C-alpha cells in the first residue's frame, strides 16, 4: 500500500511537470524558479461608477426579459 501511495505521488509530480512543460514554462520545469512579474507593467485602472450603473441597467433589462419568458413558458 505504501508503494502505491509513493507511485501516485510520483505520477502527480510527473503530471504537473508535463503540464508546465506543455504550457511553455520550461524555466520553471528545469530550474524550479517561478516567473516574476515585470515591474514596468502598469496596473489596470479601476472601473468608474458610471460603468457600474450601466451594468445595473443591463442586468435589470435581462431580469425583466427572463421574467417575461418564464410567464410565457408557464402559459404553455
N, C-alpha and C. Protein backbone atom coordinates (compact mmCIF):
# COMPACT_ATOMS: atom_id res chain seq x y z
N UNK A 1 0.82 -1.19 0.00
CA UNK A 1 0.00 0.00 0.00
C UNK A 1 0.87 1.27 0.00
N UNK A 2 1.94 1.24 0.79
CA UNK A 2 2.84 2.38 0.84
C UNK A 2 3.48 2.64 -0.52
N UNK A 3 3.84 1.57 -1.21
CA UNK A 3 4.43 1.72 -2.54
C UNK A 3 3.44 2.34 -3.51
N UNK A 4 2.17 1.99 -3.38
CA UNK A 4 1.14 2.55 -4.24
C UNK A 4 1.00 4.05 -4.00
N UNK A 5 1.05 4.48 -2.75
CA UNK A 5 0.95 5.90 -2.42
C UNK A 5 2.14 6.65 -3.00
N UNK A 6 3.33 6.10 -2.86
CA UNK A 6 4.54 6.73 -3.43
C UNK A 6 4.41 6.81 -4.94
N UNK A 7 3.91 5.78 -5.57
CA UNK A 7 3.73 5.78 -7.02
C UNK A 7 2.72 6.85 -7.44
N UNK A 8 1.64 7.02 -6.68
CA UNK A 8 0.65 8.05 -7.00
C UNK A 8 1.23 9.46 -6.86
N UNK A 9 2.01 9.68 -5.82
CA UNK A 9 2.65 10.99 -5.65
C UNK A 9 3.62 11.24 -6.79
N UNK A 10 4.38 10.25 -7.16
CA UNK A 10 5.32 10.38 -8.27
C UNK A 10 4.57 10.68 -9.57
N UNK A 11 3.44 10.01 -9.81
CA UNK A 11 2.65 10.25 -11.02
C UNK A 11 2.09 11.67 -11.01
N UNK A 12 1.69 12.17 -9.85
CA UNK A 12 1.19 13.54 -9.74
C UNK A 12 2.30 14.55 -10.06
N UNK A 13 3.49 14.30 -9.57
CA UNK A 13 4.62 15.19 -9.85
C UNK A 13 4.96 15.19 -11.33
N UNK A 14 4.98 14.03 -11.94
CA UNK A 14 5.28 13.94 -13.37
C UNK A 14 4.19 14.63 -14.18
N UNK A 15 2.94 14.48 -13.78
CA UNK A 15 1.84 15.15 -14.48
C UNK A 15 1.94 16.66 -14.38
N UNK A 16 2.30 17.16 -13.20
CA UNK A 16 2.47 18.60 -13.02
C UNK A 16 3.64 19.10 -13.86
N UNK A 17 4.72 18.38 -13.86
CA UNK A 17 5.90 18.74 -14.65
C UNK A 17 5.54 18.77 -16.14
N UNK A 18 4.82 17.76 -16.60
CA UNK A 18 4.44 17.69 -18.02
C UNK A 18 3.50 18.84 -18.39
N UNK A 19 2.59 19.19 -17.48
CA UNK A 19 1.68 20.31 -17.75
C UNK A 19 2.44 21.61 -17.89
N UNK A 20 3.38 21.86 -16.99
CA UNK A 20 4.19 23.08 -17.10
C UNK A 20 5.00 23.07 -18.39
N UNK A 21 5.53 21.92 -18.75
CA UNK A 21 6.33 21.82 -19.97
C UNK A 21 5.48 22.13 -21.20
N UNK A 22 4.27 21.58 -21.25
CA UNK A 22 3.39 21.81 -22.40
C UNK A 22 2.90 23.25 -22.46
N UNK A 23 2.78 23.90 -21.32
CA UNK A 23 2.33 25.29 -21.29
C UNK A 23 3.46 26.26 -21.65
N UNK A 24 4.66 25.75 -21.82
CA UNK A 24 5.77 26.59 -22.22
C UNK A 24 6.54 27.20 -21.07
N UNK A 25 6.32 26.75 -19.87
CA UNK A 25 7.04 27.30 -18.72
C UNK A 25 8.23 26.40 -18.41
N UNK A 26 9.10 26.26 -19.40
CA UNK A 26 10.22 25.33 -19.29
C UNK A 26 11.25 25.76 -18.25
N UNK A 27 11.38 27.06 -18.01
CA UNK A 27 12.31 27.51 -16.97
C UNK A 27 11.86 27.02 -15.60
N UNK A 28 10.55 27.04 -15.35
CA UNK A 28 10.04 26.53 -14.08
C UNK A 28 10.31 25.04 -13.95
N UNK A 29 10.15 24.33 -15.06
CA UNK A 29 10.32 22.88 -15.02
C UNK A 29 11.78 22.52 -14.79
N UNK A 30 12.67 23.19 -15.50
CA UNK A 30 14.08 22.82 -15.44
C UNK A 30 14.77 23.31 -14.17
N UNK A 31 14.43 24.50 -13.72
CA UNK A 31 15.18 25.09 -12.62
C UNK A 31 14.37 25.28 -11.35
N UNK A 32 13.06 25.15 -11.42
CA UNK A 32 12.22 25.30 -10.25
C UNK A 32 12.01 26.74 -9.82
N UNK A 33 12.34 27.69 -10.69
CA UNK A 33 12.13 29.11 -10.37
C UNK A 33 10.76 29.53 -10.89
N UNK A 34 10.09 30.35 -10.12
CA UNK A 34 8.80 30.85 -10.56
C UNK A 34 8.99 32.13 -11.35
N UNK A 35 8.13 32.36 -12.31
CA UNK A 35 8.24 33.52 -13.17
C UNK A 35 7.89 34.77 -12.37
N UNK A 36 8.74 35.77 -12.45
CA UNK A 36 8.50 37.03 -11.75
C UNK A 36 7.73 37.97 -12.67
N UNK A 37 6.88 38.79 -12.10
CA UNK A 37 6.13 39.75 -12.91
C UNK A 37 7.03 40.91 -13.28
N UNK A 38 6.74 41.53 -14.40
CA UNK A 38 7.51 42.68 -14.85
C UNK A 38 7.16 43.89 -14.00
N UNK A 39 8.19 44.63 -13.60
CA UNK A 39 7.97 45.82 -12.78
C UNK A 39 7.41 46.97 -13.61
N UNK A 40 7.62 46.95 -14.93
CA UNK A 40 7.19 48.04 -15.79
C UNK A 40 5.73 47.98 -16.19
N UNK A 41 5.04 46.92 -15.86
CA UNK A 41 3.65 46.78 -16.26
C UNK A 41 2.77 47.62 -15.34
N UNK A 42 1.94 48.45 -15.93
CA UNK A 42 1.05 49.29 -15.15
C UNK A 42 -0.20 48.51 -14.75
N UNK A 43 -0.72 48.71 -13.54
CA UNK A 43 -1.94 48.01 -13.14
C UNK A 43 -3.14 48.53 -13.91
N UNK A 44 -4.15 47.68 -14.04
CA UNK A 44 -5.37 48.09 -14.74
C UNK A 44 -6.08 49.17 -13.96
N UNK A 45 -6.60 50.17 -14.65
CA UNK A 45 -7.35 51.21 -13.94
C UNK A 45 -8.67 50.65 -13.42
N UNK A 46 -9.10 51.17 -12.30
CA UNK A 46 -10.37 50.72 -11.73
C UNK A 46 -11.53 51.26 -12.54
N UNK A 47 -12.62 50.50 -12.58
CA UNK A 47 -13.79 50.93 -13.34
C UNK A 47 -14.51 52.04 -12.58
N UNK A 48 -15.07 52.95 -13.33
CA UNK A 48 -15.79 54.06 -12.72
C UNK A 48 -17.19 53.61 -12.30
N UNK A 49 -17.84 54.42 -11.49
CA UNK A 49 -19.19 54.08 -11.04
C UNK A 49 -20.20 54.21 -12.17
N UNK A 50 -19.88 54.99 -13.21
CA UNK A 50 -20.80 55.12 -14.35
C UNK A 50 -20.92 53.78 -15.07
N UNK A 51 -19.84 53.04 -15.15
CA UNK A 51 -19.88 51.72 -15.77
C UNK A 51 -20.72 50.76 -14.96
N UNK A 52 -20.67 50.89 -13.64
CA UNK A 52 -21.46 50.03 -12.78
C UNK A 52 -22.95 50.32 -12.93
N UNK A 53 -23.30 51.60 -13.10
CA UNK A 53 -24.71 51.96 -13.28
C UNK A 53 -25.23 51.41 -14.60
N UNK A 54 -24.44 51.51 -15.65
CA UNK A 54 -24.84 50.95 -16.94
C UNK A 54 -25.00 49.45 -16.87
N UNK A 55 -24.15 48.82 -16.10
CA UNK A 55 -24.24 47.38 -15.95
C UNK A 55 -25.50 46.99 -15.18
N UNK A 56 -25.84 47.78 -14.17
CA UNK A 56 -27.05 47.50 -13.40
C UNK A 56 -28.29 47.62 -14.29
N UNK A 57 -28.31 48.61 -15.17
CA UNK A 57 -29.44 48.77 -16.10
C UNK A 57 -29.53 47.57 -17.03
N UNK A 58 -28.38 47.11 -17.51
CA UNK A 58 -28.37 45.95 -18.40
C UNK A 58 -28.87 44.71 -17.68
N UNK A 59 -28.44 44.53 -16.44
CA UNK A 59 -28.89 43.37 -15.67
C UNK A 59 -30.38 43.45 -15.37
N UNK A 60 -30.88 44.64 -15.10
CA UNK A 60 -32.31 44.81 -14.84
C UNK A 60 -33.12 44.47 -16.08
N UNK A 61 -32.66 44.90 -17.26
CA UNK A 61 -33.35 44.57 -18.50
C UNK A 61 -33.33 43.07 -18.76
N UNK A 62 -32.21 42.44 -18.44
CA UNK A 62 -32.11 40.99 -18.61
C UNK A 62 -33.06 40.27 -17.67
N UNK A 63 -33.15 40.73 -16.43
CA UNK A 63 -34.06 40.13 -15.46
C UNK A 63 -35.51 40.26 -15.92
N UNK A 64 -35.88 41.41 -16.44
CA UNK A 64 -37.24 41.62 -16.96
C UNK A 64 -37.53 40.68 -18.11
N UNK A 65 -36.57 40.51 -19.00
CA UNK A 65 -36.74 39.61 -20.14
C UNK A 65 -36.92 38.17 -19.68
N UNK A 66 -36.14 37.76 -18.68
CA UNK A 66 -36.25 36.39 -18.17
C UNK A 66 -37.60 36.18 -17.52
N UNK A 67 -38.09 37.16 -16.77
CA UNK A 67 -39.40 37.04 -16.14
C UNK A 67 -40.50 36.89 -17.18
N UNK A 68 -40.42 37.66 -18.26
CA UNK A 68 -41.41 37.54 -19.33
C UNK A 68 -41.35 36.17 -19.99
N UNK A 69 -40.15 35.66 -20.21
CA UNK A 69 -40.01 34.33 -20.79
C UNK A 69 -40.59 33.26 -19.88
N UNK A 70 -40.39 33.40 -18.58
CA UNK A 70 -40.95 32.43 -17.64
C UNK A 70 -42.47 32.48 -17.62
N UNK A 71 -43.04 33.68 -17.70
CA UNK A 71 -44.50 33.81 -17.75
C UNK A 71 -45.05 33.16 -19.01
N UNK A 72 -44.37 33.38 -20.14
CA UNK A 72 -44.81 32.77 -21.40
C UNK A 72 -44.70 31.26 -21.34
N UNK A 73 -43.66 30.75 -20.71
CA UNK A 73 -43.48 29.31 -20.60
C UNK A 73 -44.53 28.71 -19.67
N UNK A 74 -44.94 29.44 -18.64
CA UNK A 74 -45.94 28.94 -17.70
C UNK A 74 -47.31 28.85 -18.36
N UNK A 75 -47.58 29.70 -19.33
CA UNK A 75 -48.87 29.67 -20.02
C UNK A 75 -48.98 28.45 -20.93
N UNK A 76 -47.88 27.95 -21.42
CA UNK A 76 -47.92 26.81 -22.36
C UNK A 76 -48.26 25.56 -21.68
